[in-house]
Amino acid sequence: MPVHRYRSEDEDSARWAGFPFRDGDIVISTRSKSGTTWMQMICALLVLGTPDLPAPLTALSPWLDWSVEPRDVVFGRLAAQSHRRFIKTHTPLDGVPLDPRVHYVVVARHPLDLAVSLYHQAGNLDRARLAELTGQPAPSGPPRARPPVERWLSSWVDQEVDPRAELDSLPGVMLHLSDAWARRHEPNVELVHYDDLLTDLAGQMRRLADRWSLPRPGPELVDAATFGRMRERADRLAPDTLGVLRDRQAFFRRGGSGQGRDLLDEAGLARYRARAAALAPPDLLTWLHR
């Protein structure tokens, strides 16, 4: 099947073309604010077998299609790694080369919770630094006032956009998850629910270790993957090697579940349910919303 190309101001999935995979590589494919860094940390702990990581998480698990860092630099860093590699992407699986030797893991989070985290993440980005890195014009004038999160979330639910052009929209989130859901029975594709990481982190880590033929983690490794422990180590774990975050610790803002649903009234929740039903299959929504 042809690989779809996804592009934004700072991402280009075409950078995957020609990437030399190795047997056992792990590709972490998530939507923004759906547990990407959490899954990268889980992979690091399972692969390396120690909570004392030998390098920052962003060096151990590069974001391959992030265009602010030269492609050859990222390829070179991955080529130099002797351990089993685990690579970050926000590209849906239909935009990544699918290799039978490689494992693909997709983390799904309730879209309303994801959206609230996106809202807060946007306020933590240094837009001038991001523009500098991507070659875009620097923002001018005072920053625009943002609407309250409740109003923003309601408009996010109602937004009509091209899902392939706006992957962090509700249609884009559902496109990413629907594509992964359709592949869930493939032997090298694994879906993980964010809420399962919250409620049974040890069980989920053992399940992934078994799927990937890695040693099962002990209590020390599970503890290192908890949200609180990761927040304590934000300087080494936050995805910010180039200074695009105003506050690295704020990147691990809350990590809970249910915050999005609490911000909408009954009418807003009804609109969300109707939109979701039009964008994704019922069995996916049953799993996603449980």
C-alpha atoms as a PDB file:
ATOM      1  CA  MET A   1       0.000   0.000   0.000  1.00  0.00           C
ATOM      2  CA  PRO A   2       1.232   3.542  -0.709  1.00  0.00           C
ATOM      3  CA  VAL A   3       2.508   5.556   2.249  1.00  0.00           C
ATOM      4  CA  HIS A   4       0.644   8.817   2.816  1.00  0.00           C
ATOM      5  CA  ARG A   5       2.738  11.942   3.329  1.00  0.00           C
ATOM      6  CA  TYR A   6       1.815  14.131   6.313  1.00  0.00           C
ATOM      7  CA  ARG A   7       3.301  17.621   6.552  1.00  0.00           C
ATOM      8  CA  SER A   8       3.006  20.560   8.930  1.00  0.00           C
ATOM      9  CA  GLU A   9       5.152  23.574   9.800  1.00  0.00           C
ATOM     10  CA  ASP A  10       7.547  21.411  11.826  1.00  0.00           C
ATOM     11  CA  GLU A  11       6.893  17.793  10.763  1.00  0.00           C
ATOM     12  CA  ASP A  12       7.325  15.845   7.525  1.00  0.00           C
ATOM     13  CA  SER A  13       6.635  12.126   7.386  1.00  0.00           C
ATOM     14  CA  ALA A  14       8.603  11.876   4.121  1.00  0.00           C
ATOM     15  CA  ARG A  15      11.719  11.814   6.319  1.00  0.00           C
ATOM     16  CA  TRP A  16      10.907   8.121   6.972  1.00  0.00           C
ATOM     17  CA  ALA A  17      11.679   7.286   3.331  1.00  0.00           C
ATOM     18  CA  GLY A  18      14.785   5.137   3.128  1.00  0.00           C
ATOM     19  CA  PHE A  19      15.177   4.738   6.888  1.00  0.00           C
ATOM     20  CA  PRO A  20      17.191   1.529   7.482  1.00  0.00           C
ATOM     21  CA  PHE A  21      15.121  -0.430   9.985  1.00  0.00           C
ATOM     22  CA  ARG A  22      16.635  -3.131  12.160  1.00  0.00           C
ATOM     23  CA  ASP A  23      15.006  -6.318  13.357  1.00  0.00           C
ATOM     24  CA  GLY A  24      13.134  -5.511  16.590  1.00  0.00           C
ATOM     25  CA  ASP A  25      12.908  -1.732  16.193  1.00  0.00           C
ATOM     26  CA  ILE A  26       9.928  -0.177  18.006  1.00  0.00           C
ATOM     27  CA  VAL A  27       8.029   2.742  16.439  1.00  0.00           C
ATOM     28  CA  ILE A  28       5.914   4.783  18.889  1.00  0.00           C
ATOM     29  CA  SER A  29       3.052   6.379  16.927  1.00  0.00           C
ATOM     30  CA  THR A  30       0.817   8.709  18.951  1.00  0.00           C
ATOM     31  CA  ARG A  31      -1.190  11.850  18.662  1.00  0.00           C
ATOM     32  CA  SER A  32       0.203  14.841  20.543  1.00  0.00           C
ATOM     33  CA  LYS A  33      -0.467  14.776  24.314  1.00  0.00           C
ATOM     34  CA  SER A  34      -1.622  11.158  24.233  1.00  0.00           C
ATOM     35  CA  GLY A  35       1.227   9.627  26.207  1.00  0.00           C
ATOM     36  CA  THR A  36       4.114   9.839  23.735  1.00  0.00           C
ATOM     37  CA  THR A  37       6.808  10.657  26.284  1.00  0.00           C
ATOM     38  CA  TRP A  38       5.290   8.153  28.711  1.00  0.00           C
ATOM     39  CA  MET A  39       5.555   5.367  26.143  1.00  0.00           C
ATOM     40  CA  GLN A  40       9.085   6.437  25.216  1.00  0.00           C
ATOM     41  CA  MET A  41      10.037   6.142  28.906  1.00  0.00           C
ATOM     42  CA  ILE A  42       8.372   2.730  29.187  1.00  0.00           C
ATOM     43  CA  CYS A  43      10.315   1.542  26.139  1.00  0.00           C
ATOM     44  CA  ALA A  44      13.567   2.937  27.529  1.00  0.00           C
ATOM     45  CA  LEU A  45      13.068   1.129  30.838  1.00  0.00           C
ATOM     46  CA  LEU A  46      12.095  -2.164  29.198  1.00  0.00           C
ATOM     47  CA  VAL A  47      14.913  -2.078  26.637  1.00  0.00           C
ATOM     48  CA  LEU A  48      17.721  -0.798  28.873  1.00  0.00           C
ATOM     49  CA  GLY A  49      16.601  -2.480  32.080  1.00  0.00           C
ATOM     50  CA  THR A  50      17.593   0.401  34.355  1.00  0.00           C
ATOM     51  CA  PRO A  51      15.974   3.627  35.625  1.00  0.00           C
ATOM     52  CA  ASP A  52      19.350   5.357  35.266  1.00  0.00           C
ATOM     53  CA  LEU A  53      19.119   6.276  31.609  1.00  0.00           C
ATOM     54  CA  PRO A  54      22.500   6.779  29.908  1.00  0.00           C
ATOM     55  CA  ALA A  55      21.308   9.850  27.981  1.00  0.00           C
ATOM     56  CA  PRO A  56      18.305  12.217  27.828  1.00  0.00           C
ATOM     57  CA  LEU A  57      15.164  10.516  26.578  1.00  0.00           C
ATOM     58  CA  THR A  58      15.078  12.644  23.423  1.00  0.00           C
ATOM     59  CA  ALA A  59      18.543  11.346  22.481  1.00  0.00           C
ATOM     60  CA  LEU A  60      17.625   7.737  23.206  1.00  0.00           C
ATOM     61  CA  SER A  61      14.320   7.999  21.318  1.00  0.00           C
ATOM     62  CA  PRO A  62      14.556  10.648  18.561  1.00  0.00           C
ATOM     63  CA  TRP A  63      11.506  12.218  16.908  1.00  0.00           C
ATOM     64  CA  LEU A  64      12.350  11.143  13.386  1.00  0.00           C
ATOM     65  CA  ASP A  65       9.935  13.328  11.406  1.00  0.00           C
ATOM     66  CA  TRP A  66      10.497  16.572  13.354  1.00  0.00           C
ATOM     67  CA  SER A  67      11.927  18.845  10.682  1.00  0.00           C
ATOM     68  CA  VAL A  68      13.664  21.315  12.999  1.00  0.00           C
ATOM     69  CA  GLU A  69      16.523  18.816  13.400  1.00  0.00           C
ATOM     70  CA  PRO A  70      18.386  17.745  10.232  1.00  0.00           C
ATOM     71  CA  ARG A  71      17.342  14.334   8.977  1.00  0.00           C
ATOM     72  CA  ASP A  72      20.931  13.133   8.594  1.00  0.00           C
ATOM     73  CA  VAL A  73      21.656  14.038  12.219  1.00  0.00           C
ATOM     74  CA  VAL A  74      18.710  11.980  13.442  1.00  0.00           C
ATOM     75  CA  PHE A  75      19.586   9.043  11.168  1.00  0.00           C
ATOM     76  CA  GLY A  76      23.171   9.191  12.370  1.00  0.00           C
ATOM     77  CA  ARG A  77      22.175   9.163  16.019  1.00  0.00           C
ATOM     78  CA  LEU A  78      19.970   6.112  15.458  1.00  0.00           C
ATOM     79  CA  ALA A  79      22.664   4.348  13.427  1.00  0.00           C
ATOM     80  CA  ALA A  80      25.098   4.779  16.322  1.00  0.00           C
ATOM     81  CA  GLN A  81      22.785   3.132  18.850  1.00  0.00           C
ATOM     82  CA  SER A  82      23.734  -0.408  19.806  1.00  0.00           C
ATOM     83  CA  HIS A  83      20.660  -1.085  21.952  1.00  0.00           C
ATOM     84  CA  ARG A  84      17.257  -1.980  20.581  1.00  0.00           C
ATOM     85  CA  ARG A  85      15.863   1.224  19.109  1.00  0.00           C
ATOM     86  CA  PHE A  86      12.548   2.926  19.942  1.00  0.00           C
ATOM     87  CA  ILE A  87      11.615   5.848  17.733  1.00  0.00           C
ATOM     88  CA  LYS A  88       9.024   8.581  18.208  1.00  0.00           C
ATOM     89  CA  THR A  89       6.550   9.794  15.603  1.00  0.00           C
ATOM     90  CA  HIS A  90       3.228  11.641  15.598  1.00  0.00           C
ATOM     91  CA  THR A  91       2.492  10.221  12.133  1.00  0.00           C
ATOM     92  CA  PRO A  92      -0.381   7.730  11.733  1.00  0.00           C
ATOM     93  CA  LEU A  93       0.686   4.261  10.678  1.00  0.00           C
ATOM     94  CA  ASP A  94      -0.447   4.808   7.081  1.00  0.00           C
ATOM     95  CA  GLY A  95       2.299   7.451   6.827  1.00  0.00           C
ATOM     96  CA  VAL A  96       5.124   5.248   8.152  1.00  0.00           C
ATOM     97  CA  PRO A  97       6.825   2.401   6.261  1.00  0.00           C
ATOM     98  CA  LEU A  98       5.448  -0.846   7.704  1.00  0.00           C
ATOM     99  CA  ASP A  99       8.163  -3.478   8.077  1.00  0.00           C
ATOM    100  CA  PRO A 100       7.347  -6.974   9.395  1.00  0.00           C
ATOM    101  CA  ARG A 101      10.564  -6.935  11.463  1.00  0.00           C
ATOM    102  CA  VAL A 102       9.438  -3.804  13.332  1.00  0.00           C
ATOM    103  CA  HIS A 103       6.976  -3.381  16.214  1.00  0.00           C
ATOM    104  CA  TYR A 104       4.495  -0.478  16.146  1.00  0.00           C
ATOM    105  CA  VAL A 105       2.750   0.789  19.268  1.00  0.00           C
ATOM    106  CA  VAL A 106      -0.086   3.330  19.221  1.00  0.00           C
ATOM    107  CA  VAL A 107      -1.258   4.996  22.436  1.00  0.00           C
ATOM    108  CA  ALA A 108      -4.885   6.178  22.532  1.00  0.00           C
ATOM    109  CA  ARG A 109      -6.259   8.762  24.964  1.00  0.00           C
ATOM    110  CA  HIS A 110      -9.792  10.080  25.375  1.00  0.00           C
ATOM    111  CA  PRO A 111      -9.893  12.904  22.783  1.00  0.00           C
ATOM    112  CA  LEU A 112     -11.364  15.460  25.194  1.00  0.00           C
ATOM    113  CA  ASP A 113      -8.535  14.898  27.680  1.00  0.00           C
ATOM    114  CA  LEU A 114      -6.010  15.075  24.852  1.00  0.00           C
ATOM    115  CA  ALA A 115      -7.501  18.375  23.709  1.00  0.00           C
ATOM    116  CA  VAL A 116      -7.282  19.983  27.164  1.00  0.00           C
ATOM    117  CA  SER A 117      -3.621  18.996  27.358  1.00  0.00           C
ATOM    118  CA  LEU A 118      -3.084  20.481  23.885  1.00  0.00           C
ATOM    119  CA  TYR A 119      -4.610  23.759  25.061  1.00  0.00           C
ATOM    120  CA  HIS A 120      -2.224  24.011  27.992  1.00  0.00           C
ATOM    121  CA  GLN A 121       0.738  22.851  25.910  1.00  0.00           C
ATOM    122  CA  ALA A 122       0.129  25.682  23.441  1.00  0.00           C
ATOM    123  CA  GLY A 123       0.534  28.176  26.264  1.00  0.00           C
ATOM    124  CA  ASN A 124       3.876  26.626  27.221  1.00  0.00           C
ATOM    125  CA  LEU A 125       5.490  26.891  23.784  1.00  0.00           C
ATOM    126  CA  ASP A 126       8.083  29.548  22.983  1.00  0.00           C
ATOM    127  CA  ARG A 127       6.676  30.617  19.619  1.00  0.00           C
ATOM    128  CA  ALA A 128       9.647  32.831  18.751  1.00  0.00           C
ATOM    129  CA  ARG A 129      12.087  29.963  19.317  1.00  0.00           C
ATOM    130  CA  LEU A 130       9.927  27.571  17.298  1.00  0.00           C
ATOM    131  CA  ALA A 131       9.742  30.047  14.417  1.00  0.00           C
ATOM    132  CA  GLU A 132      13.520  30.442  14.532  1.00  0.00           C
ATOM    133  CA  LEU A 133      14.063  26.687  14.326  1.00  0.00           C
ATOM    134  CA  THR A 134      11.585  26.116  11.498  1.00  0.00           C
ATOM    135  CA  GLY A 135      12.597  29.154   9.422  1.00  0.00           C
ATOM    136  CA  GLN A 136       9.198  30.818   9.848  1.00  0.00           C
ATOM    137  CA  PRO A 137       8.702  34.565  10.383  1.00  0.00           C
ATOM    138  CA  ALA A 138       8.990  35.508  14.030  1.00  0.00           C
ATOM    139  CA  PRO A 139       5.665  36.431  15.666  1.00  0.00           C
ATOM    140  CA  SER A 140       5.162  40.169  15.922  1.00  0.00           C
ATOM    141  CA  GLY A 141       3.209  42.248  18.397  1.00  0.00           C
ATOM    142  CA  PRO A 142       1.766  41.128  21.714  1.00  0.00           C
ATOM    143  CA  PRO A 143       0.426  37.563  21.903  1.00  0.00           C
ATOM    144  CA  ARG A 144      -3.274  37.201  21.231  1.00  0.00           C
ATOM    145  CA  ALA A 145      -5.462  36.534  24.233  1.00  0.00           C
ATOM    146  CA  ARG A 146      -6.665  32.942  24.258  1.00  0.00           C
ATOM    147  CA  PRO A 147     -10.287  32.041  25.003  1.00  0.00           C
ATOM    148  CA  PRO A 148     -11.047  30.194  28.248  1.00  0.00           C
ATOM    149  CA  VAL A 149     -10.359  26.481  27.989  1.00  0.00           C
ATOM    150  CA  GLU A 150     -14.085  25.613  28.167  1.00  0.00           C
ATOM    151  CA  ARG A 151     -14.894  27.772  25.133  1.00  0.00           C
ATOM    152  CA  TRP A 152     -11.822  26.587  23.245  1.00  0.00           C
ATOM    153  CA  LEU A 153     -12.695  22.933  23.875  1.00  0.00           C
ATOM    154  CA  SER A 154     -16.228  23.426  22.604  1.00  0.00           C
ATOM    155  CA  SER A 155     -14.929  24.989  19.378  1.00  0.00           C
ATOM    156  CA  TRP A 156     -12.368  22.163  19.023  1.00  0.00           C
ATOM    157  CA  VAL A 157     -15.205  19.624  19.097  1.00  0.00           C
ATOM    158  CA  ASP A 158     -17.156  21.501  16.406  1.00  0.00           C
ATOM    159  CA  GLN A 159     -14.218  22.289  14.103  1.00  0.00           C
ATOM    160  CA  GLU A 160     -14.575  21.019  10.529  1.00  0.00           C
ATOM    161  CA  VAL A 161     -11.126  20.496   8.949  1.00  0.00           C
ATOM    162  CA  ASP A 162      -9.225  18.162   6.658  1.00  0.00           C
ATOM    163  CA  PRO A 163      -8.043  15.469   9.107  1.00  0.00           C
ATOM    164  CA  ARG A 164      -4.880  14.741   7.127  1.00  0.00           C
ATOM    165  CA  ALA A 165      -3.877  18.407   7.253  1.00  0.00           C
ATOM    166  CA  GLU A 166      -4.893  19.010  10.892  1.00  0.00           C
ATOM    167  CA  LEU A 167      -3.936  15.876  12.793  1.00  0.00           C
ATOM    168  CA  ASP A 168      -4.452  17.474  16.209  1.00  0.00           C
ATOM    169  CA  SER A 169      -8.084  18.250  15.401  1.00  0.00           C
ATOM    170  CA  LEU A 170     -10.855  15.875  16.461  1.00  0.00           C
ATOM    171  CA  PRO A 171     -11.132  14.495  12.887  1.00  0.00           C
ATOM    172  CA  GLY A 172      -7.337  14.084  12.807  1.00  0.00           C
ATOM    173  CA  VAL A 173      -7.268  12.257  16.136  1.00  0.00           C
ATOM    174  CA  MET A 174      -9.994   9.887  14.990  1.00  0.00           C
ATOM    175  CA  LEU A 175      -8.236   9.279  11.665  1.00  0.00           C
ATOM    176  CA  HIS A 176      -5.032   8.307  13.479  1.00  0.00           C
ATOM    177  CA  LEU A 177      -6.826   5.992  15.905  1.00  0.00           C
ATOM    178  CA  SER A 178      -9.178   4.474  13.309  1.00  0.00           C
ATOM    179  CA  ASP A 179      -6.226   3.532  11.118  1.00  0.00           C
ATOM    180  CA  ALA A 180      -4.469   1.867  14.071  1.00  0.00           C
ATOM    181  CA  TRP A 181      -7.683   0.151  15.172  1.00  0.00           C
ATOM    182  CA  ALA A 182      -8.070  -1.418  11.745  1.00  0.00           C
ATOM    183  CA  ARG A 183      -4.554  -2.894  12.115  1.00  0.00           C
ATOM    184  CA  ARG A 184      -4.895  -4.064  15.721  1.00  0.00           C
ATOM    185  CA  HIS A 185      -4.905  -7.770  14.825  1.00  0.00           C
ATOM    186  CA  GLU A 186      -1.610  -7.551  12.932  1.00  0.00           C
ATOM    187  CA  PRO A 187       1.118  -9.389  14.858  1.00  0.00           C
ATOM    188  CA  ASN A 188       3.472  -6.398  15.082  1.00  0.00           C
ATOM    189  CA  VAL A 189       0.895  -3.695  15.955  1.00  0.00           C
ATOM    190  CA  GLU A 190      -0.028  -2.972  19.569  1.00  0.00           C
ATOM    191  CA  LEU A 191      -2.670  -0.545  20.860  1.00  0.00           C
ATOM    192  CA  VAL A 192      -2.367   0.823  24.398  1.00  0.00           C
ATOM    193  CA  HIS A 193      -5.073   2.805  26.202  1.00  0.00           C
ATOM    194  CA  TYR A 194      -3.810   5.774  28.231  1.00  0.00           C
ATOM    195  CA  ASP A 195      -6.234   4.960  31.042  1.00  0.00           C
ATOM    196  CA  ASP A 196      -4.779   1.448  31.315  1.00  0.00           C
ATOM    197  CA  LEU A 197      -1.380   3.033  31.927  1.00  0.00           C
ATOM    198  CA  LEU A 198      -2.979   5.086  34.708  1.00  0.00           C
ATOM    199  CA  THR A 199      -4.734   2.178  36.390  1.00  0.00           C
ATOM    200  CA  ASP A 200      -2.416  -0.788  35.740  1.00  0.00           C
ATOM    201  CA  LEU A 201       1.025   0.462  34.727  1.00  0.00           C
ATOM    202  CA  ALA A 202       2.813  -2.691  35.913  1.00  0.00           C
ATOM    203  CA  GLY A 203       0.427  -4.943  33.996  1.00  0.00           C
ATOM    204  CA  GLN A 204       0.762  -2.911  30.812  1.00  0.00           C
ATOM    205  CA  MET A 205       4.552  -2.895  31.043  1.00  0.00           C
ATOM    206  CA  ARG A 206       4.600  -6.669  31.519  1.00  0.00           C
ATOM    207  CA  ARG A 207       2.248  -7.104  28.555  1.00  0.00           C
ATOM    208  CA  LEU A 208       4.462  -5.020  26.287  1.00  0.00           C
ATOM    209  CA  ALA A 209       7.605  -6.777  27.488  1.00  0.00           C
ATOM    210  CA  ASP A 210       6.022 -10.129  26.589  1.00  0.00           C
ATOM    211  CA  ARG A 211       4.900  -8.870  23.174  1.00  0.00           C
ATOM    212  CA  TRP A 212       8.375  -7.556  22.379  1.00  0.00           C
ATOM    213  CA  SER A 213      10.318 -10.484  23.872  1.00  0.00           C
ATOM    214  CA  LEU A 214      11.922  -8.314  26.554  1.00  0.00           C
ATOM    215  CA  PRO A 215      12.505  -9.133  30.248  1.00  0.00           C
ATOM    216  CA  ARG A 216       9.530  -8.348  32.474  1.00  0.00           C
ATOM    217  CA  PRO A 217      10.085  -5.225  34.591  1.00  0.00           C
ATOM    218  CA  GLY A 218      10.558  -5.305  38.346  1.00  0.00           C
ATOM    219  CA  PRO A 219       9.064  -2.775  40.797  1.00  0.00           C
ATOM    220  CA  GLU A 220      11.994  -0.359  40.392  1.00  0.00           C
ATOM    221  CA  LEU A 221      11.359   0.018  36.664  1.00  0.00           C
ATOM    222  CA  VAL A 222       7.615   0.360  37.100  1.00  0.00           C
ATOM    223  CA  ASP A 223       8.133   3.072  39.727  1.00  0.00           C
ATOM    224  CA  ALA A 224      10.451   4.970  37.361  1.00  0.00           C
ATOM    225  CA  ALA A 225       7.658   5.032  34.760  1.00  0.00           C
ATOM    226  CA  THR A 226       5.050   6.603  37.045  1.00  0.00           C
ATOM    227  CA  PHE A 227       3.884  10.087  36.165  1.00  0.00           C
ATOM    228  CA  GLY A 228       5.181  11.564  39.414  1.00  0.00           C
ATOM    229  CA  ARG A 229       8.685  10.154  38.973  1.00  0.00           C
ATOM    230  CA  MET A 230       8.818  11.366  35.384  1.00  0.00           C
ATOM    231  CA  ARG A 231       7.760  14.862  36.415  1.00  0.00           C
ATOM    232  CA  GLU A 232      10.602  14.930  38.948  1.00  0.00           C
ATOM    233  CA  ARG A 233      13.034  14.251  36.092  1.00  0.00           C
ATOM    234  CA  ALA A 234      11.517  16.709  33.601  1.00  0.00           C
ATOM    235  CA  ASP A 235      14.905  18.187  32.659  1.00  0.00           C
ATOM    236  CA  ARG A 236      16.009  14.843  31.199  1.00  0.00           C
ATOM    237  CA  LEU A 237      12.672  13.520  30.006  1.00  0.00           C
ATOM    238  CA  ALA A 238      10.739  16.460  28.501  1.00  0.00           C
ATOM    239  CA  PRO A 239      11.036  16.575  24.680  1.00  0.00           C
ATOM    240  CA  ASP A 240      12.902  19.878  24.581  1.00  0.00           C
ATOM    241  CA  THR A 241      16.506  19.585  23.455  1.00  0.00           C
ATOM    242  CA  LEU A 242      16.203  22.825  21.460  1.00  0.00           C
ATOM    243  CA  GLY A 243      14.455  25.076  23.976  1.00  0.00           C
ATOM    244  CA  VAL A 244      10.892  25.278  22.644  1.00  0.00           C
ATOM    245  CA  LEU A 245       9.219  24.871  26.051  1.00  0.00           C
ATOM    246  CA  ARG A 246       8.916  27.762  28.476  1.00  0.00           C
ATOM    247  CA  ASP A 247       8.724  25.387  31.439  1.00  0.00           C
ATOM    248  CA  ARG A 248       9.835  21.751  31.120  1.00  0.00           C
ATOM    249  CA  GLN A 249       8.149  20.665  34.318  1.00  0.00           C
ATOM    250  CA  ALA A 250       4.855  22.114  33.084  1.00  0.00           C
ATOM    251  CA  PHE A 251       5.058  19.679  30.152  1.00  0.00           C
ATOM    252  CA  PHE A 252       4.023  17.014  32.709  1.00  0.00           C
ATOM    253  CA  ARG A 253       1.103  19.171  33.815  1.00  0.00           C
ATOM    254  CA  ARG A 254      -1.366  16.662  35.177  1.00  0.00           C
ATOM    255  CA  GLY A 255      -1.702  13.518  33.131  1.00  0.00           C
ATOM    256  CA  GLY A 256      -5.095  12.574  34.519  1.00  0.00           C
ATOM    257  CA  SER A 257      -8.276  11.305  32.952  1.00  0.00           C
ATOM    258  CA  GLY A 258     -11.718  12.908  32.759  1.00  0.00           C
ATOM    259  CA  GLN A 259     -10.652  16.543  32.733  1.00  0.00           C
ATOM    260  CA  GLY A 260     -12.087  17.156  29.261  1.00  0.00           C
ATOM    261  CA  ARG A 261     -15.484  15.678  30.027  1.00  0.00           C
ATOM    262  CA  ASP A 262     -15.745  17.811  33.168  1.00  0.00           C
ATOM    263  CA  LEU A 263     -15.411  21.003  31.108  1.00  0.00           C
ATOM    264  CA  LEU A 264     -18.389  20.436  28.804  1.00  0.00           C
ATOM    265  CA  ASP A 265     -22.053  20.723  29.728  1.00  0.00           C
ATOM    266  CA  GLU A 266     -24.586  18.101  28.644  1.00  0.00           C
ATOM    267  CA  ALA A 267     -25.203  19.814  25.316  1.00  0.00           C
ATOM    268  CA  GLY A 268     -21.470  19.982  24.656  1.00  0.00           C
ATOM    269  CA  LEU A 269     -20.992  16.317  25.526  1.00  0.00           C
ATOM    270  CA  ALA A 270     -23.879  15.371  23.236  1.00  0.00           C
ATOM    271  CA  ARG A 271     -22.249  17.289  20.367  1.00  0.00           C
ATOM    272  CA  TYR A 272     -18.969  15.521  21.072  1.00  0.00           C
ATOM    273  CA  ARG A 273     -20.599  12.081  21.053  1.00  0.00           C
ATOM    274  CA  ALA A 274     -22.371  12.828  17.767  1.00  0.00           C
ATOM    275  CA  ARG A 275     -19.159  14.078  16.162  1.00  0.00           C
ATOM    276  CA  ALA A 276     -17.174  11.079  17.402  1.00  0.00           C
ATOM    277  CA  ALA A 277     -19.822   8.659  16.099  1.00  0.00           C
ATOM    278  CA  ALA A 278     -19.508  10.213  12.644  1.00  0.00           C
ATOM    279  CA  LEU A 279     -15.706   9.958  12.648  1.00  0.00           C
ATOM    280  CA  ALA A 280     -14.878   6.521  14.044  1.00  0.00           C
ATOM    281  CA  PRO A 281     -16.303   2.974  14.141  1.00  0.00           C
ATOM    282  CA  PRO A 282     -18.503   2.015  17.117  1.00  0.00           C
ATOM    283  CA  ASP A 283     -16.199  -0.691  18.469  1.00  0.00           C
ATOM    284  CA  LEU A 284     -13.263   1.732  18.565  1.00  0.00           C
ATOM    285  CA  LEU A 285     -15.389   4.312  20.402  1.00  0.00           C
ATOM    286  CA  THR A 286     -16.537   1.714  22.940  1.00  0.00           C
ATOM    287  CA  TRP A 287     -12.896   0.900  23.702  1.00  0.00           C
ATOM    288  CA  LEU A 288     -11.735   4.520  23.598  1.00  0.00           C
ATOM    289  CA  HIS A 289     -14.493   5.949  25.827  1.00  0.00           C
ATOM    290  CA  ARG A 290     -14.691   3.199  28.448  1.00  0.00           C
END
